[in-house]
Amino acid sequence: MVSWSGHILPVLLTVAIWFFATGLIAWLDNRERETFPRSLMAAGVVGILGLCTVFVAIQSTGATAVYASFIGAIMVWSWHEVGFLTGAVTGPRRQPCGSGATGWDRFSQAASTLAHHEIALALTALLLISLSWNAANQIAAMTFALLYGLRLSTKLNIFSGVPNTATDILPPHLAYLKSYYGPNRLGLLLPLSTVATVWLAVWLGSAAYRSPPGSGDAIGASLLFALAALGALEHLFLALPFRDGALWGWALPRAGRKSFDTFATEEDR
């Protein structure tokens, strides 16, 4: 049976966090670069508080502990996002793709633009998995691993080529990443990854539905279900004529939008 506390509320909370946290990060990373040190310091404090929250909550399976673990993992993830989008933690290569690069050479160059960020994400995922390996509450590790998997799928799809590569929230100082995007086409990878993400969301939703209403298991599965469903939606956006500025334009400073639009116009010529 679907309940408010065990199913509906966790889904609504996840959607709200996804919407407002993405907007806040986009706002921070599209501001003047002089503000980045303060943003990175604030994000670091948030990330450390998130880790502490997870550490305290992993031994309990109560509703409060499950929510705390989930939010703690989101806090840690947001720390990484701010680090990447400010350009502080990206990769050793910070320039457009070499002219005529194809195949392995193109993939190697693209991977070099993200290497440090990907290593940091992988190490953090391993840390959270290690912390919660024998713990009663593993929602934090599951949340971070799910976010990592969904983001990696999105990156591989964009590299391979998707019909829609509109990225209004990408900061101007990372605009060179667009040179690594694949052609605007619908390949096989996007439908397969979208179907896989939808299947995962359905499986998590079924697990939430089968759990006792209001229990920690129901809340945890519902939180993960909502994340997977949002991941499927983001994959769908890659196939549709959708601009992320339609949802998060309110968070983009005027100067940041102008700089990005200028780059996009010059690239299209």
Protein backbone atom coordinates (compact mmCIF):
# COMPACT_ATOMS: atom_id res chain seq x y z
CA MET A 1 0.00 0.00 0.00
CA VAL A 2 1.26 3.47 -0.90
CA SER A 3 1.60 5.74 2.12
CA TRP A 4 2.32 9.43 2.52
CA SER A 5 5.21 9.04 4.94
CA GLY A 6 6.81 5.98 3.36
CA HIS A 7 6.43 6.72 -0.35
CA ILE A 8 5.00 10.08 -1.42
CA LEU A 9 6.93 12.35 0.95
CA PRO A 10 10.36 10.83 0.09
CA VAL A 11 9.66 11.26 -3.63
CA LEU A 12 8.57 14.88 -3.20
CA LEU A 13 11.62 15.61 -1.05
CA THR A 14 13.95 14.10 -3.67
CA VAL A 15 12.42 16.16 -6.48
CA ALA A 16 12.68 19.33 -4.38
CA ILE A 17 16.34 18.66 -3.53
CA TRP A 18 17.14 17.85 -7.17
CA PHE A 19 15.52 21.06 -8.40
CA PHE A 20 16.83 23.54 -5.84
CA ALA A 21 20.28 21.99 -5.31
CA THR A 22 20.92 21.96 -9.07
CA GLY A 23 19.81 25.57 -9.29
CA LEU A 24 22.01 26.63 -6.37
CA ILE A 25 25.07 24.89 -7.82
CA ALA A 26 24.40 26.43 -11.25
CA TRP A 27 24.13 29.87 -9.62
CA LEU A 28 27.40 29.46 -7.71
CA ASP A 29 29.35 28.16 -10.70
CA ASN A 30 28.11 30.81 -13.14
CA ARG A 31 29.06 33.76 -10.94
CA GLU A 32 32.24 35.82 -11.26
CA ARG A 33 35.36 33.69 -10.86
CA GLU A 34 36.51 35.85 -7.96
CA THR A 35 33.71 34.26 -5.91
CA PHE A 36 34.88 30.68 -6.54
CA PRO A 37 37.27 30.40 -3.56
CA ARG A 38 34.42 31.27 -1.19
CA SER A 39 32.08 28.87 -2.99
CA LEU A 40 34.64 26.07 -2.78
CA MET A 41 35.21 26.72 0.91
CA ALA A 42 31.48 26.69 1.62
CA ALA A 43 31.03 23.53 -0.48
CA GLY A 44 33.89 21.87 1.40
CA VAL A 45 32.22 22.60 4.73
CA VAL A 46 28.94 21.19 3.37
CA GLY A 47 30.72 18.08 2.10
CA ILE A 48 32.47 17.41 5.40
CA LEU A 49 29.22 17.94 7.31
CA GLY A 50 27.61 15.47 4.89
CA LEU A 51 30.29 12.85 5.65
CA CYS A 52 29.84 13.39 9.38
CA THR A 53 26.07 13.04 8.99
CA VAL A 54 26.49 9.76 7.13
CA PHE A 55 28.91 8.44 9.75
CA VAL A 56 26.46 9.18 12.56
CA ALA A 57 23.41 7.78 10.75
CA ILE A 58 24.71 4.50 9.29
CA GLN A 59 24.02 2.43 12.40
CA SER A 60 20.29 3.18 12.48
CA THR A 61 17.50 2.15 10.12
CA GLY A 62 14.93 4.57 11.49
CA ALA A 63 13.20 7.08 9.24
CA THR A 64 15.28 10.01 10.52
CA ALA A 65 18.55 8.14 9.98
CA VAL A 66 17.55 7.12 6.44
CA TYR A 67 16.73 10.70 5.51
CA ALA A 68 19.96 11.88 7.15
CA SER A 69 22.04 9.35 5.19
CA PHE A 70 20.39 10.36 1.93
CA ILE A 71 20.84 14.09 2.51
CA GLY A 72 24.41 13.53 3.72
CA ALA A 73 25.27 11.73 0.47
CA ILE A 74 23.69 14.56 -1.54
CA MET A 75 25.78 17.08 0.41
CA VAL A 76 28.96 15.16 -0.44
CA TRP A 77 27.89 14.88 -4.08
CA SER A 78 27.21 18.62 -4.24
CA TRP A 79 30.73 19.29 -2.95
CA HIS A 80 32.13 17.38 -5.92
CA GLU A 81 29.79 19.16 -8.32
CA VAL A 82 30.89 22.60 -7.15
CA GLY A 83 34.53 21.52 -7.39
CA PHE A 84 34.04 20.35 -10.96
CA LEU A 85 31.89 23.18 -12.28
CA THR A 86 34.13 25.89 -10.81
CA GLY A 87 37.00 24.22 -12.66
CA ALA A 88 38.89 23.45 -9.45
CA VAL A 89 38.76 19.66 -9.95
CA THR A 90 38.43 18.65 -13.58
CA GLY A 91 41.38 17.00 -15.32
CA PRO A 92 44.87 17.66 -16.67
CA ARG A 93 43.52 18.70 -20.09
CA ARG A 94 41.71 22.05 -20.14
CA GLN A 95 41.43 22.84 -23.82
CA PRO A 96 39.18 21.90 -26.76
CA CYS A 97 39.46 18.58 -28.53
CA GLY A 98 42.31 18.39 -31.00
CA SER A 99 41.39 18.95 -34.62
CA GLY A 100 40.65 15.69 -36.42
CA ALA A 101 40.85 13.53 -33.27
CA THR A 102 38.86 10.31 -33.62
CA GLY A 103 38.50 6.93 -31.96
CA TRP A 104 40.76 6.21 -29.01
CA ASP A 105 42.60 9.52 -29.36
CA ARG A 106 39.35 11.47 -28.99
CA PHE A 107 38.26 9.33 -26.03
CA SER A 108 41.64 9.73 -24.34
CA GLN A 109 41.51 13.51 -24.72
CA ALA A 110 37.94 13.62 -23.39
CA ALA A 111 38.85 11.41 -20.42
CA SER A 112 41.77 13.72 -19.62
CA THR A 113 39.40 16.65 -19.20
CA LEU A 114 37.52 14.78 -16.42
CA ALA A 115 40.14 12.46 -14.94
CA HIS A 116 40.70 14.17 -11.58
CA HIS A 117 36.97 14.62 -11.04
CA GLU A 118 36.21 10.99 -11.88
CA ILE A 119 38.96 9.73 -9.58
CA ALA A 120 37.63 11.88 -6.73
CA LEU A 121 34.10 10.53 -7.28
CA ALA A 122 35.30 6.93 -7.41
CA LEU A 123 37.37 7.30 -4.23
CA THR A 124 34.45 8.90 -2.42
CA ALA A 125 32.12 6.12 -3.53
CA LEU A 126 34.60 3.55 -2.21
CA LEU A 127 34.86 5.48 1.07
CA LEU A 128 31.08 5.49 1.58
CA ILE A 129 30.80 1.82 0.63
CA SER A 130 33.59 0.95 3.09
CA LEU A 131 31.98 2.96 5.89
CA SER A 132 28.60 1.27 5.43
CA TRP A 133 29.78 -2.22 4.41
CA ASN A 134 28.53 -3.96 7.57
CA ALA A 135 26.31 -1.12 8.73
CA ALA A 136 22.55 -1.36 9.14
CA ASN A 137 21.91 1.74 7.02
CA GLN A 138 23.52 1.70 3.55
CA ILE A 139 21.40 4.38 1.91
CA ALA A 140 24.25 6.91 1.69
CA ALA A 141 26.50 4.55 -0.25
CA MET A 142 23.61 3.48 -2.50
CA THR A 143 22.63 7.10 -3.15
CA PHE A 144 26.14 8.18 -4.09
CA ALA A 145 26.75 5.08 -6.23
CA LEU A 146 23.44 5.62 -8.03
CA LEU A 147 24.25 9.27 -8.73
CA TYR A 148 27.69 8.26 -9.97
CA GLY A 149 26.29 5.61 -12.29
CA LEU A 150 23.63 7.92 -13.72
CA ARG A 151 26.12 10.73 -14.28
CA LEU A 152 28.63 8.39 -15.93
CA SER A 153 25.90 7.11 -18.26
CA THR A 154 24.98 10.67 -19.20
CA LYS A 155 28.60 11.57 -19.93
CA LEU A 156 29.13 8.52 -22.13
CA ASN A 157 25.92 9.25 -24.03
CA ILE A 158 26.89 12.87 -24.68
CA PHE A 159 30.36 11.76 -25.80
CA SER A 160 28.83 9.16 -28.13
CA GLY A 161 26.29 11.62 -29.50
CA VAL A 162 22.70 12.48 -28.62
CA PRO A 163 19.98 14.51 -30.41
CA ASN A 164 20.02 17.26 -27.75
CA THR A 165 23.20 18.64 -26.17
CA ALA A 166 21.74 21.91 -24.84
CA THR A 167 23.71 22.79 -21.71
CA ASP A 168 22.69 26.24 -20.58
CA ILE A 169 23.91 25.69 -17.04
CA LEU A 170 27.45 24.77 -18.14
CA PRO A 171 29.66 27.64 -16.94
CA PRO A 172 31.45 29.68 -19.63
CA HIS A 173 34.91 28.68 -18.35
CA LEU A 174 34.06 25.02 -19.12
CA ALA A 175 32.65 25.72 -22.57
CA TYR A 176 35.61 23.88 -24.14
CA LEU A 177 33.98 20.63 -23.00
CA LYS A 178 31.40 21.06 -25.77
CA SER A 179 34.11 20.25 -28.31
CA TYR A 180 34.09 16.68 -26.96
CA TYR A 181 30.37 16.20 -27.51
CA GLY A 182 29.41 13.65 -30.13
CA PRO A 183 27.24 14.40 -33.17
CA ASN A 184 23.59 15.31 -32.75
CA ARG A 185 22.11 11.92 -33.47
CA LEU A 186 20.15 9.13 -31.81
CA GLY A 187 22.48 6.19 -31.42
CA LEU A 188 21.91 2.84 -29.75
CA LEU A 189 23.47 3.77 -26.40
CA LEU A 190 20.86 6.34 -25.37
CA PRO A 191 17.77 4.08 -25.79
CA LEU A 192 19.56 1.21 -24.04
CA SER A 193 20.70 3.32 -21.09
CA THR A 194 17.27 4.98 -20.82
CA VAL A 195 15.50 1.62 -20.75
CA ALA A 196 18.00 0.33 -18.16
CA THR A 197 17.42 3.40 -15.98
CA VAL A 198 13.64 3.06 -16.26
CA TRP A 199 13.91 -0.63 -15.34
CA LEU A 200 16.01 0.28 -12.29
CA ALA A 201 13.43 2.89 -11.25
CA VAL A 202 10.60 0.34 -11.61
CA TRP A 203 12.55 -2.23 -9.58
CA LEU A 204 13.24 0.29 -6.80
CA GLY A 205 9.61 1.44 -6.88
CA SER A 206 8.45 -2.16 -6.51
CA ALA A 207 10.81 -2.64 -3.56
CA ALA A 208 9.40 0.49 -1.94
CA TYR A 209 5.82 -0.68 -2.53
CA ARG A 210 6.51 -4.10 -0.99
CA SER A 211 8.11 -2.61 2.13
CA PRO A 212 6.05 -1.91 5.27
CA PRO A 213 4.45 1.56 4.92
CA GLY A 214 6.36 4.24 6.79
CA SER A 215 9.34 1.97 7.49
CA GLY A 216 12.96 2.90 6.89
CA ASP A 217 13.10 0.36 4.06
CA ALA A 218 10.12 1.96 2.32
CA ILE A 219 11.57 5.45 2.71
CA GLY A 220 15.02 4.42 1.51
CA ALA A 221 13.70 2.58 -1.55
CA SER A 222 11.38 5.49 -2.37
CA LEU A 223 14.27 7.97 -2.21
CA LEU A 224 16.34 5.81 -4.55
CA PHE A 225 13.34 5.25 -6.83
CA ALA A 226 12.87 9.01 -7.19
CA LEU A 227 16.57 9.50 -8.00
CA ALA A 228 16.46 6.76 -10.65
CA ALA A 229 13.25 8.21 -12.13
CA LEU A 230 14.86 11.66 -12.34
CA GLY A 231 17.89 10.03 -13.96
CA ALA A 232 15.62 8.45 -16.57
CA LEU A 233 14.02 11.85 -17.15
CA GLU A 234 17.43 13.46 -17.65
CA HIS A 235 18.30 10.74 -20.18
CA LEU A 236 15.03 11.48 -21.95
CA PHE A 237 15.95 15.18 -22.08
CA LEU A 238 18.99 14.17 -24.18
CA ALA A 239 16.63 12.95 -26.89
CA LEU A 240 14.13 15.82 -26.80
CA PRO A 241 14.42 19.51 -27.78
CA PHE A 242 14.70 20.57 -24.14
CA ARG A 243 16.97 23.25 -22.71
CA ASP A 244 17.96 22.97 -19.06
CA GLY A 245 17.70 26.75 -18.86
CA ALA A 246 13.92 26.24 -19.00
CA LEU A 247 14.08 24.74 -15.50
CA TRP A 248 17.08 26.53 -14.03
CA GLY A 249 17.21 29.80 -15.93
CA TRP A 250 16.23 31.55 -12.69
CA ALA A 251 19.58 30.47 -11.20
CA LEU A 252 21.79 31.64 -14.07
CA PRO A 253 23.34 35.10 -13.71
CA ARG A 254 22.76 37.36 -16.68
CA ALA A 255 26.46 37.63 -17.42
CA GLY A 256 26.90 33.86 -17.35
CA ARG A 257 24.07 33.31 -19.81
CA LYS A 258 25.44 35.97 -22.15
CA SER A 259 28.95 34.48 -22.11
CA PHE A 260 27.67 30.97 -22.82
CA ASP A 261 25.35 32.12 -25.59
CA THR A 262 28.22 34.01 -27.21
CA PHE A 263 30.39 30.87 -27.21
CA ALA A 264 27.55 28.77 -28.61
CA THR A 265 26.87 31.29 -31.39
CA GLU A 266 30.51 31.42 -32.43
CA GLU A 267 30.80 27.63 -32.34
CA ASP A 268 27.80 27.16 -34.61
CA ARG A 269 29.20 29.38 -37.32
